[in-house]
All heavy atoms as atom14 arrays in JSON, in Angstrom:
{
  "sequence": "CIARALAVNPKLVICDEPVSALDVSIQAQIINLLKQLQNEMGLTYV",
  "atom14_mask": [
    [1, 1, 1, 1, 1, 1, 0, 0, 0, 0, 0, 0, 0, 0],
    [1, 1, 1, 1, 1, 1, 1, 1, 0, 0, 0, 0, 0, 0],
    [1, 1, 1, 1, 1, 0, 0, 0, 0, 0, 0, 0, 0, 0],
    [1, 1, 1, 1, 1, 1, 1, 1, 1, 1, 1, 0, 0, 0],
    [1, 1, 1, 1, 1, 0, 0, 0, 0, 0, 0, 0, 0, 0],
    [1, 1, 1, 1, 1, 1, 1, 1, 0, 0, 0, 0, 0, 0],
    [1, 1, 1, 1, 1, 0, 0, 0, 0, 0, 0, 0, 0, 0],
    [1, 1, 1, 1, 1, 1, 1, 0, 0, 0, 0, 0, 0, 0],
    [1, 1, 1, 1, 1, 1, 1, 1, 0, 0, 0, 0, 0, 0],
    [1, 1, 1, 1, 1, 1, 1, 0, 0, 0, 0, 0, 0, 0],
    [1, 1, 1, 1, 1, 1, 1, 1, 1, 0, 0, 0, 0, 0],
    [1, 1, 1, 1, 1, 1, 1, 1, 0, 0, 0, 0, 0, 0],
    [1, 1, 1, 1, 1, 1, 1, 0, 0, 0, 0, 0, 0, 0],
    [1, 1, 1, 1, 1, 1, 1, 1, 0, 0, 0, 0, 0, 0],
    [1, 1, 1, 1, 1, 1, 0, 0, 0, 0, 0, 0, 0, 0],
    [1, 1, 1, 1, 1, 1, 1, 1, 0, 0, 0, 0, 0, 0],
    [1, 1, 1, 1, 1, 1, 1, 1, 1, 0, 0, 0, 0, 0],
    [1, 1, 1, 1, 1, 1, 1, 0, 0, 0, 0, 0, 0, 0],
    [1, 1, 1, 1, 1, 1, 1, 0, 0, 0, 0, 0, 0, 0],
    [1, 1, 1, 1, 1, 1, 0, 0, 0, 0, 0, 0, 0, 0],
    [1, 1, 1, 1, 1, 0, 0, 0, 0, 0, 0, 0, 0, 0],
    [1, 1, 1, 1, 1, 1, 1, 1, 0, 0, 0, 0, 0, 0],
    [1, 1, 1, 1, 1, 1, 1, 1, 0, 0, 0, 0, 0, 0],
    [1, 1, 1, 1, 1, 1, 1, 0, 0, 0, 0, 0, 0, 0],
    [1, 1, 1, 1, 1, 1, 0, 0, 0, 0, 0, 0, 0, 0],
    [1, 1, 1, 1, 1, 1, 1, 1, 0, 0, 0, 0, 0, 0],
    [1, 1, 1, 1, 1, 1, 1, 1, 1, 0, 0, 0, 0, 0],
    [1, 1, 1, 1, 1, 0, 0, 0, 0, 0, 0, 0, 0, 0],
    [1, 1, 1, 1, 1, 1, 1, 1, 1, 0, 0, 0, 0, 0],
    [1, 1, 1, 1, 1, 1, 1, 1, 0, 0, 0, 0, 0, 0],
    [1, 1, 1, 1, 1, 1, 1, 1, 0, 0, 0, 0, 0, 0],
    [1, 1, 1, 1, 1, 1, 1, 1, 0, 0, 0, 0, 0, 0],
    [1, 1, 1, 1, 1, 1, 1, 1, 0, 0, 0, 0, 0, 0],
    [1, 1, 1, 1, 1, 1, 1, 1, 0, 0, 0, 0, 0, 0],
    [1, 1, 1, 1, 1, 1, 1, 1, 1, 0, 0, 0, 0, 0],
    [1, 1, 1, 1, 1, 1, 1, 1, 1, 0, 0, 0, 0, 0],
    [1, 1, 1, 1, 1, 1, 1, 1, 0, 0, 0, 0, 0, 0],
    [1, 1, 1, 1, 1, 1, 1, 1, 1, 0, 0, 0, 0, 0],
    [1, 1, 1, 1, 1, 1, 1, 1, 0, 0, 0, 0, 0, 0],
    [1, 1, 1, 1, 1, 1, 1, 1, 1, 0, 0, 0, 0, 0],
    [1, 1, 1, 1, 1, 1, 1, 1, 0, 0, 0, 0, 0, 0],
    [1, 1, 1, 1, 0, 0, 0, 0, 0, 0, 0, 0, 0, 0],
    [1, 1, 1, 1, 1, 1, 1, 1, 0, 0, 0, 0, 0, 0],
    [1, 1, 1, 1, 1, 1, 1, 0, 0, 0, 0, 0, 0, 0],
    [1, 1, 1, 1, 1, 1, 1, 1, 1, 1, 1, 1, 0, 0],
    [1, 1, 1, 1, 1, 1, 1, 0, 0, 0, 0, 0, 0, 0]
  ],
  "atom14_positions": [
    [[8.61, -5.9, -2.5], [10.07, -6.18, -2.51], [10.27, -7.73, -2.86], [11.19, -7.97, -3.62], [10.57, -6.04, -1.02], [10.66, -4.32, -0.45], [0.0, 0.0, 0.0], [0.0, 0.0, 0.0], [0.0, 0.0, 0.0], [0.0, 0.0, 0.0], [0.0, 0.0, 0.0], [0.0, 0.0, 0.0], [0.0, 0.0, 0.0], [0.0, 0.0, 0.0]],
    [[9.36, -8.54, -2.43], [9.47, -10.0, -2.84], [9.26, -10.15, -4.3], [9.89, -10.86, -5.0], [8.5, -10.85, -2.05], [8.82, -10.8, -0.6], [8.35, -12.28, -2.61], [7.87, -11.44, 0.39], [0.0, 0.0, 0.0], [0.0, 0.0, 0.0], [0.0, 0.0, 0.0], [0.0, 0.0, 0.0], [0.0, 0.0, 0.0], [0.0, 0.0, 0.0]],
    [[8.29, -9.38, -4.89], [7.9, -9.44, -6.31], [9.11, -9.07, -7.17], [9.48, -9.53, -8.15], [6.75, -8.62, -6.67], [0.0, 0.0, 0.0], [0.0, 0.0, 0.0], [0.0, 0.0, 0.0], [0.0, 0.0, 0.0], [0.0, 0.0, 0.0], [0.0, 0.0, 0.0], [0.0, 0.0, 0.0], [0.0, 0.0, 0.0], [0.0, 0.0, 0.0]],
    [[9.79, -7.89, -6.71], [10.97, -7.29, -7.37], [12.17, -8.34, -7.4], [12.76, -8.56, -8.48], [11.47, -6.13, -6.64], [12.73, -5.46, -7.19], [13.08, -4.12, -6.46], [13.26, -4.4, -5.02], [13.68, -3.37, -4.19], [13.76, -2.14, -4.65], [13.82, -3.55, -2.92], [0.0, 0.0, 0.0], [0.0, 0.0, 0.0], [0.0, 0.0, 0.0]],
    [[12.31, -9.06, -6.29], [13.37, -10.1, -6.2], [13.06, -11.29, -7.08], [13.97, -11.8, -7.72], [13.62, -10.54, -4.78], [0.0, 0.0, 0.0], [0.0, 0.0, 0.0], [0.0, 0.0, 0.0], [0.0, 0.0, 0.0], [0.0, 0.0, 0.0], [0.0, 0.0, 0.0], [0.0, 0.0, 0.0], [0.0, 0.0, 0.0], [0.0, 0.0, 0.0]],
    [[11.77, -11.73, -7.15], [11.44, -12.98, -7.98], [11.2, -12.63, -9.46], [11.02, -13.57, -10.22], [10.21, -13.55, -7.32], [10.23, -14.04, -5.81], [9.0, -14.7, -5.43], [11.54, -14.78, -5.57], [0.0, 0.0, 0.0], [0.0, 0.0, 0.0], [0.0, 0.0, 0.0], [0.0, 0.0, 0.0], [0.0, 0.0, 0.0], [0.0, 0.0, 0.0]],
    [[11.1, -11.38, -9.81], [10.87, -11.03, -11.23], [11.89, -11.42, -12.09], [11.58, -11.76, -13.37], [10.55, -9.61, -11.33], [0.0, 0.0, 0.0], [0.0, 0.0, 0.0], [0.0, 0.0, 0.0], [0.0, 0.0, 0.0], [0.0, 0.0, 0.0], [0.0, 0.0, 0.0], [0.0, 0.0, 0.0], [0.0, 0.0, 0.0], [0.0, 0.0, 0.0]],
    [[13.12, -11.73, -11.66], [14.2, -12.02, -12.5], [14.4, -13.58, -12.46], [15.48, -14.05, -13.03], [15.51, -11.41, -12.14], [15.39, -9.8, -12.53], [15.91, -11.5, -10.72], [0.0, 0.0, 0.0], [0.0, 0.0, 0.0], [0.0, 0.0, 0.0], [0.0, 0.0, 0.0], [0.0, 0.0, 0.0], [0.0, 0.0, 0.0], [0.0, 0.0, 0.0]],
    [[13.44, -14.39, -11.96], [13.58, -15.81, -11.84], [14.84, -16.32, -11.13], [15.64, -17.0, -11.79], [13.45, -16.48, -13.23], [12.14, -16.05, -13.92], [11.06, -15.95, -13.21], [12.09, -15.87, -15.2], [0.0, 0.0, 0.0], [0.0, 0.0, 0.0], [0.0, 0.0, 0.0], [0.0, 0.0, 0.0], [0.0, 0.0, 0.0], [0.0, 0.0, 0.0]],
    [[15.06, -15.92, -9.87], [16.37, -16.36, -9.26], [16.35, -17.73, -8.79], [15.29, -18.35, -8.68], [16.44, -15.34, -8.16], [15.01, -15.09, -7.66], [14.23, -15.11, -8.99], [0.0, 0.0, 0.0], [0.0, 0.0, 0.0], [0.0, 0.0, 0.0], [0.0, 0.0, 0.0], [0.0, 0.0, 0.0], [0.0, 0.0, 0.0], [0.0, 0.0, 0.0]],
    [[17.48, -18.27, -8.49], [17.61, -19.6, -7.89], [17.79, -19.46, -6.35], [17.32, -20.37, -5.62], [18.85, -20.4, -8.41], [18.72, -20.54, -10.03], [19.99, -21.26, -10.55], [19.85, -21.51, -12.02], [21.19, -22.08, -12.53], [0.0, 0.0, 0.0], [0.0, 0.0, 0.0], [0.0, 0.0, 0.0], [0.0, 0.0, 0.0], [0.0, 0.0, 0.0]],
    [[18.52, -18.37, -5.89], [18.82, -18.31, -4.63], [18.31, -16.93, -4.12], [18.53, -15.79, -4.88], [20.36, -18.29, -4.35], [20.89, -17.96, -2.83], [20.5, -18.99, -1.91], [22.37, -17.74, -2.91], [0.0, 0.0, 0.0], [0.0, 0.0, 0.0], [0.0, 0.0, 0.0], [0.0, 0.0, 0.0], [0.0, 0.0, 0.0], [0.0, 0.0, 0.0]],
    [[17.62, -16.87, -2.97], [17.2, -15.58, -2.36], [17.73, -15.54, -0.87], [17.48, -16.37, -0.14], [15.65, -15.47, -2.38], [15.17, -14.13, -1.79], [15.15, -15.62, -3.83], [0.0, 0.0, 0.0], [0.0, 0.0, 0.0], [0.0, 0.0, 0.0], [0.0, 0.0, 0.0], [0.0, 0.0, 0.0], [0.0, 0.0, 0.0], [0.0, 0.0, 0.0]],
    [[18.43, -14.39, -0.62], [18.83, -14.12, 0.63], [17.73, -13.17, 1.31], [17.5, -12.16, 0.91], [20.2, -13.3, 0.74], [21.31, -14.01, -0.06], [20.67, -13.07, 2.17], [21.7, -15.27, 0.55], [0.0, 0.0, 0.0], [0.0, 0.0, 0.0], [0.0, 0.0, 0.0], [0.0, 0.0, 0.0], [0.0, 0.0, 0.0], [0.0, 0.0, 0.0]],
    [[17.07, -13.7, 2.39], [16.02, -12.99, 3.08], [16.53, -12.46, 4.31], [16.85, -13.23, 5.47], [14.89, -13.89, 3.34], [14.19, -14.8, 1.9], [0.0, 0.0, 0.0], [0.0, 0.0, 0.0], [0.0, 0.0, 0.0], [0.0, 0.0, 0.0], [0.0, 0.0, 0.0], [0.0, 0.0, 0.0], [0.0, 0.0, 0.0], [0.0, 0.0, 0.0]],
    [[16.9, -11.13, 4.37], [17.58, -10.48, 5.48], [16.54, -9.96, 6.45], [16.05, -8.8, 6.25], [18.57, -9.36, 5.07], [19.31, -8.82, 6.14], [19.25, -9.3, 7.28], [19.97, -7.78, 5.99], [0.0, 0.0, 0.0], [0.0, 0.0, 0.0], [0.0, 0.0, 0.0], [0.0, 0.0, 0.0], [0.0, 0.0, 0.0], [0.0, 0.0, 0.0]],
    [[16.01, -10.67, 7.35], [14.99, -10.37, 8.32], [13.84, -9.66, 7.65], [13.44, -8.55, 7.92], [15.63, -9.42, 9.37], [16.73, -10.07, 10.15], [17.08, -9.31, 11.46], [16.18, -8.95, 12.14], [18.32, -9.05, 11.71], [0.0, 0.0, 0.0], [0.0, 0.0, 0.0], [0.0, 0.0, 0.0], [0.0, 0.0, 0.0], [0.0, 0.0, 0.0]],
    [[13.16, -10.47, 6.69], [12.15, -9.79, 5.9], [10.79, -9.54, 6.57], [9.92, -8.83, 6.04], [11.92, -10.86, 4.82], [12.19, -12.18, 5.47], [13.39, -11.8, 6.4], [0.0, 0.0, 0.0], [0.0, 0.0, 0.0], [0.0, 0.0, 0.0], [0.0, 0.0, 0.0], [0.0, 0.0, 0.0], [0.0, 0.0, 0.0], [0.0, 0.0, 0.0]],
    [[10.69, -10.0, 7.84], [9.4, -9.8, 8.55], [9.62, -9.13, 9.84], [8.61, -8.93, 10.52], [8.58, -11.08, 8.81], [8.24, -11.77, 7.46], [9.46, -12.19, 9.6], [0.0, 0.0, 0.0], [0.0, 0.0, 0.0], [0.0, 0.0, 0.0], [0.0, 0.0, 0.0], [0.0, 0.0, 0.0], [0.0, 0.0, 0.0], [0.0, 0.0, 0.0]],
    [[10.83, -8.73, 10.22], [11.04, -8.1, 11.56], [10.37, -6.76, 11.72], [10.09, -6.29, 12.83], [12.49, -7.97, 11.79], [13.13, -7.01, 10.78], [0.0, 0.0, 0.0], [0.0, 0.0, 0.0], [0.0, 0.0, 0.0], [0.0, 0.0, 0.0], [0.0, 0.0, 0.0], [0.0, 0.0, 0.0], [0.0, 0.0, 0.0], [0.0, 0.0, 0.0]],
    [[10.09, -6.02, 10.57], [9.56, -4.71, 10.78], [7.93, -4.74, 10.51], [7.35, -3.68, 10.47], [10.06, -3.69, 9.69], [0.0, 0.0, 0.0], [0.0, 0.0, 0.0], [0.0, 0.0, 0.0], [0.0, 0.0, 0.0], [0.0, 0.0, 0.0], [0.0, 0.0, 0.0], [0.0, 0.0, 0.0], [0.0, 0.0, 0.0], [0.0, 0.0, 0.0]],
    [[7.36, -5.93, 10.53], [5.99, -6.07, 10.28], [5.19, -6.56, 11.52], [5.78, -7.11, 12.43], [5.77, -7.05, 9.14], [6.53, -6.79, 7.9], [6.19, -7.86, 6.81], [6.15, -5.47, 7.25], [0.0, 0.0, 0.0], [0.0, 0.0, 0.0], [0.0, 0.0, 0.0], [0.0, 0.0, 0.0], [0.0, 0.0, 0.0], [0.0, 0.0, 0.0]],
    [[3.88, -6.3, 11.57], [3.06, -6.84, 12.66], [3.05, -8.38, 12.61], [3.27, -9.0, 11.53], [1.62, -6.28, 12.59], [1.66, -4.84, 12.77], [2.52, -4.35, 13.45], [0.76, -4.06, 12.22], [0.0, 0.0, 0.0], [0.0, 0.0, 0.0], [0.0, 0.0, 0.0], [0.0, 0.0, 0.0], [0.0, 0.0, 0.0], [0.0, 0.0, 0.0]],
    [[2.63, -8.94, 13.65], [2.72, -10.54, 13.82], [1.74, -11.08, 12.83], [2.05, -12.16, 12.07], [2.27, -10.89, 15.26], [2.15, -12.38, 15.29], [3.32, -10.41, 16.31], [0.0, 0.0, 0.0], [0.0, 0.0, 0.0], [0.0, 0.0, 0.0], [0.0, 0.0, 0.0], [0.0, 0.0, 0.0], [0.0, 0.0, 0.0], [0.0, 0.0, 0.0]],
    [[0.57, -10.5, 12.57], [-0.35, -11.1, 11.7], [0.07, -11.07, 10.25], [-0.04, -11.85, 9.39], [-1.76, -10.49, 11.71], [-1.64, -9.04, 11.49], [0.0, 0.0, 0.0], [0.0, 0.0, 0.0], [0.0, 0.0, 0.0], [0.0, 0.0, 0.0], [0.0, 0.0, 0.0], [0.0, 0.0, 0.0], [0.0, 0.0, 0.0], [0.0, 0.0, 0.0]],
    [[0.82, -9.91, 9.89], [1.33, -9.77, 8.59], [2.55, -10.57, 8.36], [2.73, -11.09, 7.3], [1.67, -8.21, 8.33], [0.49, -7.3, 8.66], [2.33, -7.97, 6.9], [-0.6, -7.5, 7.69], [0.0, 0.0, 0.0], [0.0, 0.0, 0.0], [0.0, 0.0, 0.0], [0.0, 0.0, 0.0], [0.0, 0.0, 0.0], [0.0, 0.0, 0.0]],
    [[3.3, -10.87, 9.44], [4.45, -11.76, 9.42], [4.07, -13.09, 8.88], [4.58, -13.69, 7.98], [5.1, -11.82, 10.76], [5.89, -10.58, 11.21], [6.66, -10.95, 12.54], [6.69, -12.05, 12.99], [7.21, -9.89, 13.1], [0.0, 0.0, 0.0], [0.0, 0.0, 0.0], [0.0, 0.0, 0.0], [0.0, 0.0, 0.0], [0.0, 0.0, 0.0]],
    [[2.82, -13.58, 9.38], [2.41, -14.94, 9.0], [2.16, -14.98, 7.66], [2.45, -15.88, 6.9], [1.24, -15.32, 9.96], [0.0, 0.0, 0.0], [0.0, 0.0, 0.0], [0.0, 0.0, 0.0], [0.0, 0.0, 0.0], [0.0, 0.0, 0.0], [0.0, 0.0, 0.0], [0.0, 0.0, 0.0], [0.0, 0.0, 0.0], [0.0, 0.0, 0.0]],
    [[1.5, -13.97, 7.12], [1.15, -13.93, 5.67], [2.38, -13.97, 4.76], [2.41, -14.56, 3.78], [0.31, -12.67, 5.36], [-1.01, -12.54, 6.03], [-1.78, -11.2, 5.81], [-1.39, -10.52, 4.82], [-2.71, -10.93, 6.63], [0.0, 0.0, 0.0], [0.0, 0.0, 0.0], [0.0, 0.0, 0.0], [0.0, 0.0, 0.0], [0.0, 0.0, 0.0]],
    [[3.37, -13.15, 5.17], [4.57, -13.07, 4.33], [5.33, -14.38, 4.4], [5.85, -14.91, 3.37], [5.5, -11.87, 4.85], [4.86, -10.56, 4.66], [6.83, -11.95, 4.04], [4.45, -10.24, 3.13], [0.0, 0.0, 0.0], [0.0, 0.0, 0.0], [0.0, 0.0, 0.0], [0.0, 0.0, 0.0], [0.0, 0.0, 0.0], [0.0, 0.0, 0.0]],
    [[5.48, -15.0, 5.49], [6.13, -16.29, 5.72], [5.42, -17.36, 4.84], [6.09, -18.13, 4.12], [6.22, -16.73, 7.16], [7.13, -15.78, 7.87], [6.75, -18.16, 7.34], [8.54, -15.69, 7.31], [0.0, 0.0, 0.0], [0.0, 0.0, 0.0], [0.0, 0.0, 0.0], [0.0, 0.0, 0.0], [0.0, 0.0, 0.0], [0.0, 0.0, 0.0]],
    [[4.07, -17.33, 4.95], [3.37, -18.42, 4.15], [3.56, -18.08, 2.55], [3.6, -19.0, 1.86], [1.88, -18.28, 4.47], [1.54, -18.95, 5.79], [2.23, -19.83, 6.25], [0.59, -18.41, 6.48], [0.0, 0.0, 0.0], [0.0, 0.0, 0.0], [0.0, 0.0, 0.0], [0.0, 0.0, 0.0], [0.0, 0.0, 0.0], [0.0, 0.0, 0.0]],
    [[3.62, -16.83, 2.25], [3.83, -16.5, 0.88], [5.26, -16.99, 0.5], [5.37, -17.54, -0.73], [3.78, -15.01, 0.67], [4.11, -14.51, -0.74], [3.23, -14.9, -1.74], [4.12, -12.93, -0.77], [0.0, 0.0, 0.0], [0.0, 0.0, 0.0], [0.0, 0.0, 0.0], [0.0, 0.0, 0.0], [0.0, 0.0, 0.0], [0.0, 0.0, 0.0]],
    [[6.22, -16.76, 1.23], [7.59, -17.17, 0.88], [7.68, -18.79, 0.63], [8.25, -19.26, -0.24], [8.63, -16.83, 1.95], [8.93, -15.27, 2.0], [9.76, -15.01, 3.17], [9.61, -14.92, 0.67], [0.0, 0.0, 0.0], [0.0, 0.0, 0.0], [0.0, 0.0, 0.0], [0.0, 0.0, 0.0], [0.0, 0.0, 0.0], [0.0, 0.0, 0.0]],
    [[6.97, -19.49, 1.62], [6.93, -20.96, 1.47], [6.17, -21.44, 0.21], [6.62, -22.27, -0.53], [6.25, -21.57, 2.72], [7.07, -21.57, 3.96], [6.66, -22.57, 5.01], [7.13, -23.88, 4.55], [7.03, -24.91, 5.71], [0.0, 0.0, 0.0], [0.0, 0.0, 0.0], [0.0, 0.0, 0.0], [0.0, 0.0, 0.0], [0.0, 0.0, 0.0]],
    [[5.03, -20.72, -0.08], [4.3, -21.14, -1.28], [5.11, -20.83, -2.51], [5.11, -21.63, -3.45], [3.04, -20.21, -1.3], [2.13, -20.44, -2.55], [1.02, -19.53, -2.59], [0.54, -18.89, -1.64], [0.53, -19.14, -3.85], [0.0, 0.0, 0.0], [0.0, 0.0, 0.0], [0.0, 0.0, 0.0], [0.0, 0.0, 0.0], [0.0, 0.0, 0.0]],
    [[5.76, -19.69, -2.66], [6.7, -19.37, -3.72], [7.84, -20.33, -3.89], [8.24, -20.64, -4.98], [7.13, -17.92, -3.63], [6.0, -16.82, -3.74], [6.64, -15.49, -3.45], [5.49, -16.81, -5.21], [0.0, 0.0, 0.0], [0.0, 0.0, 0.0], [0.0, 0.0, 0.0], [0.0, 0.0, 0.0], [0.0, 0.0, 0.0], [0.0, 0.0, 0.0]],
    [[8.34, -20.82, -2.76], [9.47, -21.79, -2.84], [9.02, -22.97, -3.48], [9.7, -23.68, -4.25], [9.96, -21.96, -1.37], [11.21, -22.92, -1.33], [11.68, -23.01, 0.02], [10.97, -23.21, 1.05], [13.06, -23.16, 0.21], [0.0, 0.0, 0.0], [0.0, 0.0, 0.0], [0.0, 0.0, 0.0], [0.0, 0.0, 0.0], [0.0, 0.0, 0.0]],
    [[7.85, -23.46, -3.03], [7.19, -24.73, -3.62], [7.0, -24.57, -5.09], [7.15, -25.55, -5.9], [5.99, -25.1, -2.82], [6.27, -25.54, -1.4], [7.38, -25.93, -1.11], [5.3, -25.37, -0.55], [0.0, 0.0, 0.0], [0.0, 0.0, 0.0], [0.0, 0.0, 0.0], [0.0, 0.0, 0.0], [0.0, 0.0, 0.0], [0.0, 0.0, 0.0]],
    [[6.48, -23.46, -5.42], [6.06, -23.14, -6.89], [7.26, -23.06, -7.79], [7.28, -23.44, -8.99], [5.13, -22.02, -7.02], [3.69, -22.26, -6.41], [2.92, -21.01, -6.47], [3.33, -20.02, -6.89], [1.73, -21.15, -5.91], [0.0, 0.0, 0.0], [0.0, 0.0, 0.0], [0.0, 0.0, 0.0], [0.0, 0.0, 0.0], [0.0, 0.0, 0.0]],
    [[8.3, -22.27, -7.31], [9.43, -21.86, -8.13], [10.68, -22.72, -7.83], [11.74, -22.4, -8.49], [9.67, -20.42, -8.0], [8.39, -19.47, -8.41], [8.67, -17.81, -8.14], [9.9, -17.41, -9.39], [0.0, 0.0, 0.0], [0.0, 0.0, 0.0], [0.0, 0.0, 0.0], [0.0, 0.0, 0.0], [0.0, 0.0, 0.0], [0.0, 0.0, 0.0]],
    [[10.66, -23.46, -6.85], [11.99, -24.24, -6.48], [13.06, -23.44, -5.93], [14.26, -23.63, -6.27], [0.0, 0.0, 0.0], [0.0, 0.0, 0.0], [0.0, 0.0, 0.0], [0.0, 0.0, 0.0], [0.0, 0.0, 0.0], [0.0, 0.0, 0.0], [0.0, 0.0, 0.0], [0.0, 0.0, 0.0], [0.0, 0.0, 0.0], [0.0, 0.0, 0.0]],
    [[12.66, -22.43, -5.17], [13.64, -21.35, -4.69], [14.46, -21.99, -3.56], [13.93, -22.86, -2.8], [12.93, -20.18, -4.17], [12.21, -19.3, -5.27], [11.25, -18.29, -4.65], [13.05, -18.73, -6.27], [0.0, 0.0, 0.0], [0.0, 0.0, 0.0], [0.0, 0.0, 0.0], [0.0, 0.0, 0.0], [0.0, 0.0, 0.0], [0.0, 0.0, 0.0]],
    [[15.63, -21.46, -3.38], [16.52, -21.79, -2.21], [16.7, -20.55, -1.37], [17.01, -19.42, -1.89], [17.85, -22.3, -2.74], [17.75, -23.39, -3.53], [18.78, -22.62, -1.5], [0.0, 0.0, 0.0], [0.0, 0.0, 0.0], [0.0, 0.0, 0.0], [0.0, 0.0, 0.0], [0.0, 0.0, 0.0], [0.0, 0.0, 0.0], [0.0, 0.0, 0.0]],
    [[16.49, -20.64, -0.05], [16.55, -19.42, 0.84], [17.6, -19.55, 1.75], [17.98, -20.59, 2.41], [15.23, -19.33, 1.63], [13.96, -18.97, 0.81], [12.76, -19.45, 1.24], [13.96, -18.12, -0.26], [11.55, -19.1, 0.51], [12.81, -17.76, -0.95], [11.59, -18.39, -0.43], [10.45, -18.0, -1.24], [0.0, 0.0, 0.0], [0.0, 0.0, 0.0]],
    [[18.37, -18.35, 2.04], [19.03, -18.2, 3.25], [18.26, -17.14, 4.01], [18.27, -15.98, 3.7], [20.59, -17.64, 2.86], [21.28, -17.31, 4.2], [21.25, -18.62, 2.07], [0.0, 0.0, 0.0], [0.0, 0.0, 0.0], [0.0, 0.0, 0.0], [0.0, 0.0, 0.0], [0.0, 0.0, 0.0], [0.0, 0.0, 0.0], [0.0, 0.0, 0.0]]
  ]
}
């Protein structure tokens, strides 16, 4: 889902509870991924 959203090179991404349906260990991976992509691509998150 994240790859689909970022494939069009967006400036703004609305993250609507993206980790609420995941296990705690997986949540940490997704959150770290979002932070890493933000630093690399200059993304703005809500």
